[in-house]
């Protein structure tokens, strides 16, 4: 029984000091490492944001588009509690392993496809209709 307690204590100790998948992992220069799954979510949000901005490109003037773009990305980074510099640094790091980065991009495309499919499969909300009866 003491041995099980000792092993459990050791495991708990190792879990508390190891960086694992939390954001306490650091780059060599001290910057935080964004965990892979979170990075995929951020990249997905960025792809969706960029697609929305491309859609708006023909509908608003360039100055308005720049303001909308700035606000959209500021909101995105704020939502994920990161800075653009953190994102770019982590993007560079993940791109060093090209095979894994391609898998990450596949995950991004899959997430976008799932979101699109879920929107496409949403039942259409029927609206009330008025029937005019002629006398």
Protein backbone atom coordinates (compact mmCIF):
# COMPACT_ATOMS: atom_id res chain seq x y z
CA UNK A 1 0.00 0.00 0.00
CA UNK A 2 2.87 2.37 0.81
CA UNK A 3 4.39 1.59 -2.57
CA UNK A 4 1.17 2.57 -4.39
CA UNK A 5 1.02 5.81 -2.41
CA UNK A 6 4.65 6.55 -3.23
CA UNK A 7 4.07 5.90 -6.95
CA UNK A 8 0.91 8.02 -6.94
CA UNK A 9 2.80 10.81 -5.18
CA UNK A 10 5.63 10.59 -7.71
CA UNK A 11 3.18 10.72 -10.62
CA UNK A 12 1.44 13.76 -9.14
CA UNK A 13 4.79 15.45 -8.59
CA UNK A 14 5.89 14.77 -12.17
CA UNK A 15 2.59 16.02 -13.55
CA UNK A 16 2.88 19.28 -11.65
CA UNK A 17 6.44 20.03 -12.78
CA UNK A 18 6.27 18.78 -16.38
CA UNK A 19 5.08 21.26 -19.00
CA UNK A 20 2.84 18.72 -20.77
CA UNK A 21 0.24 20.37 -22.96
CA UNK A 22 -0.35 23.46 -20.91
CA UNK A 23 0.75 26.95 -21.82
CA UNK A 24 3.55 27.00 -19.27
CA UNK A 25 5.91 25.37 -21.79
CA UNK A 26 8.46 27.87 -23.06
CA UNK A 27 10.53 28.45 -26.18
CA UNK A 28 14.28 28.75 -25.74
CA UNK A 29 13.88 32.54 -25.53
CA UNK A 30 11.24 32.27 -22.79
CA UNK A 31 8.14 32.84 -24.94
CA UNK A 32 5.14 30.60 -24.23
CA UNK A 33 4.49 27.60 -26.45
CA UNK A 34 0.90 27.38 -27.64
CA UNK A 35 -0.23 23.74 -27.38
CA UNK A 36 -0.79 22.03 -30.71
CA UNK A 37 -4.57 21.54 -30.30
CA UNK A 38 -5.03 25.17 -29.32
CA UNK A 39 -2.86 26.25 -32.24
CA UNK A 40 -5.12 24.29 -34.60
CA UNK A 41 -8.18 26.07 -33.15
CA UNK A 42 -6.51 29.46 -33.56
CA UNK A 43 -5.46 28.65 -37.12
CA UNK A 44 -9.04 27.56 -37.87
CA UNK A 45 -10.41 30.83 -36.52
CA UNK A 46 -7.86 32.78 -38.55
CA UNK A 47 -8.83 30.94 -41.75
CA UNK A 48 -12.51 31.67 -41.13
CA UNK A 49 -11.73 35.32 -40.36
CA UNK A 50 -9.65 35.67 -43.52
CA UNK A 51 -12.42 34.09 -45.61
CA UNK A 52 -14.92 36.55 -44.15
CA UNK A 53 -12.62 39.43 -44.97
CA UNK A 54 -12.16 38.18 -48.55
CA UNK A 55 -15.96 38.11 -48.84
CA UNK A 56 -16.17 41.71 -47.61
CA UNK A 57 -13.39 42.87 -49.92
CA UNK A 58 -15.74 43.62 -52.80
CA UNK A 59 -18.41 45.16 -50.58
CA UNK A 60 -16.52 47.81 -48.58
CA UNK A 61 -13.76 50.29 -49.32
CA UNK A 62 -10.15 49.52 -48.48
CA UNK A 63 -9.98 51.76 -45.39
CA UNK A 64 -13.10 50.18 -43.91
CA UNK A 65 -11.79 46.71 -44.70
CA UNK A 66 -8.51 47.50 -42.94
CA UNK A 67 -10.37 48.70 -39.84
CA UNK A 68 -12.65 45.66 -39.84
CA UNK A 69 -9.64 43.39 -40.32
CA UNK A 70 -7.75 44.99 -37.46
CA UNK A 71 -10.75 44.71 -35.14
CA UNK A 72 -11.42 41.11 -36.17
CA UNK A 73 -7.86 39.97 -35.53
CA UNK A 74 -7.61 41.95 -32.28
CA UNK A 75 -10.76 40.19 -31.09
CA UNK A 76 -9.46 36.82 -32.21
CA UNK A 77 -6.15 37.20 -30.40
CA UNK A 78 -7.89 38.57 -27.32
CA UNK A 79 -10.36 35.67 -27.29
CA UNK A 80 -7.49 33.16 -27.38
CA UNK A 81 -5.48 35.23 -24.86
CA UNK A 82 -2.43 35.50 -27.11
CA UNK A 83 -0.59 38.23 -28.97
CA UNK A 84 0.13 38.32 -32.69
CA UNK A 85 3.83 37.94 -31.85
CA UNK A 86 3.12 34.77 -29.83
CA UNK A 87 1.06 33.36 -32.67
CA UNK A 88 3.72 34.12 -35.28
CA UNK A 89 6.52 32.70 -33.13
CA UNK A 90 4.57 29.49 -32.56
CA UNK A 91 3.58 29.30 -36.22
CA UNK A 92 7.27 29.45 -37.15
CA UNK A 93 8.02 26.73 -34.60
CA UNK A 94 5.27 24.41 -35.86
CA UNK A 95 6.32 25.00 -39.48
CA UNK A 96 9.77 23.61 -38.70
CA UNK A 97 8.23 20.12 -38.78
CA UNK A 98 6.60 20.34 -42.19
CA UNK A 99 4.95 16.90 -42.07
CA UNK A 100 3.23 17.67 -38.77
CA UNK A 101 2.32 21.17 -39.93
CA UNK A 102 0.60 19.68 -42.98
CA UNK A 103 -1.38 17.44 -40.60
CA UNK A 104 -2.31 20.52 -38.59
CA UNK A 105 -3.55 22.23 -41.75
CA UNK A 106 -5.57 19.10 -42.59
CA UNK A 107 -7.15 19.35 -39.13
CA UNK A 108 -7.93 23.02 -39.79
CA UNK A 109 -9.62 22.17 -43.10
CA UNK A 110 -11.53 19.33 -41.45
CA UNK A 111 -12.78 21.66 -38.70
CA UNK A 112 -13.89 24.22 -41.28
CA UNK A 113 -15.64 21.53 -43.31
CA UNK A 114 -17.43 20.22 -40.22
CA UNK A 115 -18.56 23.73 -39.32
CA UNK A 116 -19.76 24.34 -42.87
CA UNK A 117 -21.59 21.01 -42.98
CA UNK A 118 -23.28 21.66 -39.65
CA UNK A 119 -24.51 25.00 -40.97
CA UNK A 120 -25.64 23.43 -44.24
CA UNK A 121 -27.56 20.70 -42.42
CA UNK A 122 -29.38 23.09 -40.13
CA UNK A 123 -33.07 22.81 -40.86
CA UNK A 124 -34.55 25.87 -42.44
CA UNK A 125 -36.73 27.83 -40.07
CA UNK A 126 -40.19 28.08 -41.49
CA UNK A 127 -41.67 31.51 -41.39
CA UNK A 128 -45.29 32.34 -40.97
CA UNK A 129 -47.11 32.89 -44.18
CA UNK A 130 -50.13 34.96 -44.82
CA UNK A 131 -52.74 33.59 -47.14
CA UNK A 132 -54.88 36.19 -48.78
CA UNK A 133 -58.33 34.93 -49.56
CA UNK A 134 -60.23 36.78 -52.25
CA UNK A 135 -63.96 37.25 -51.71
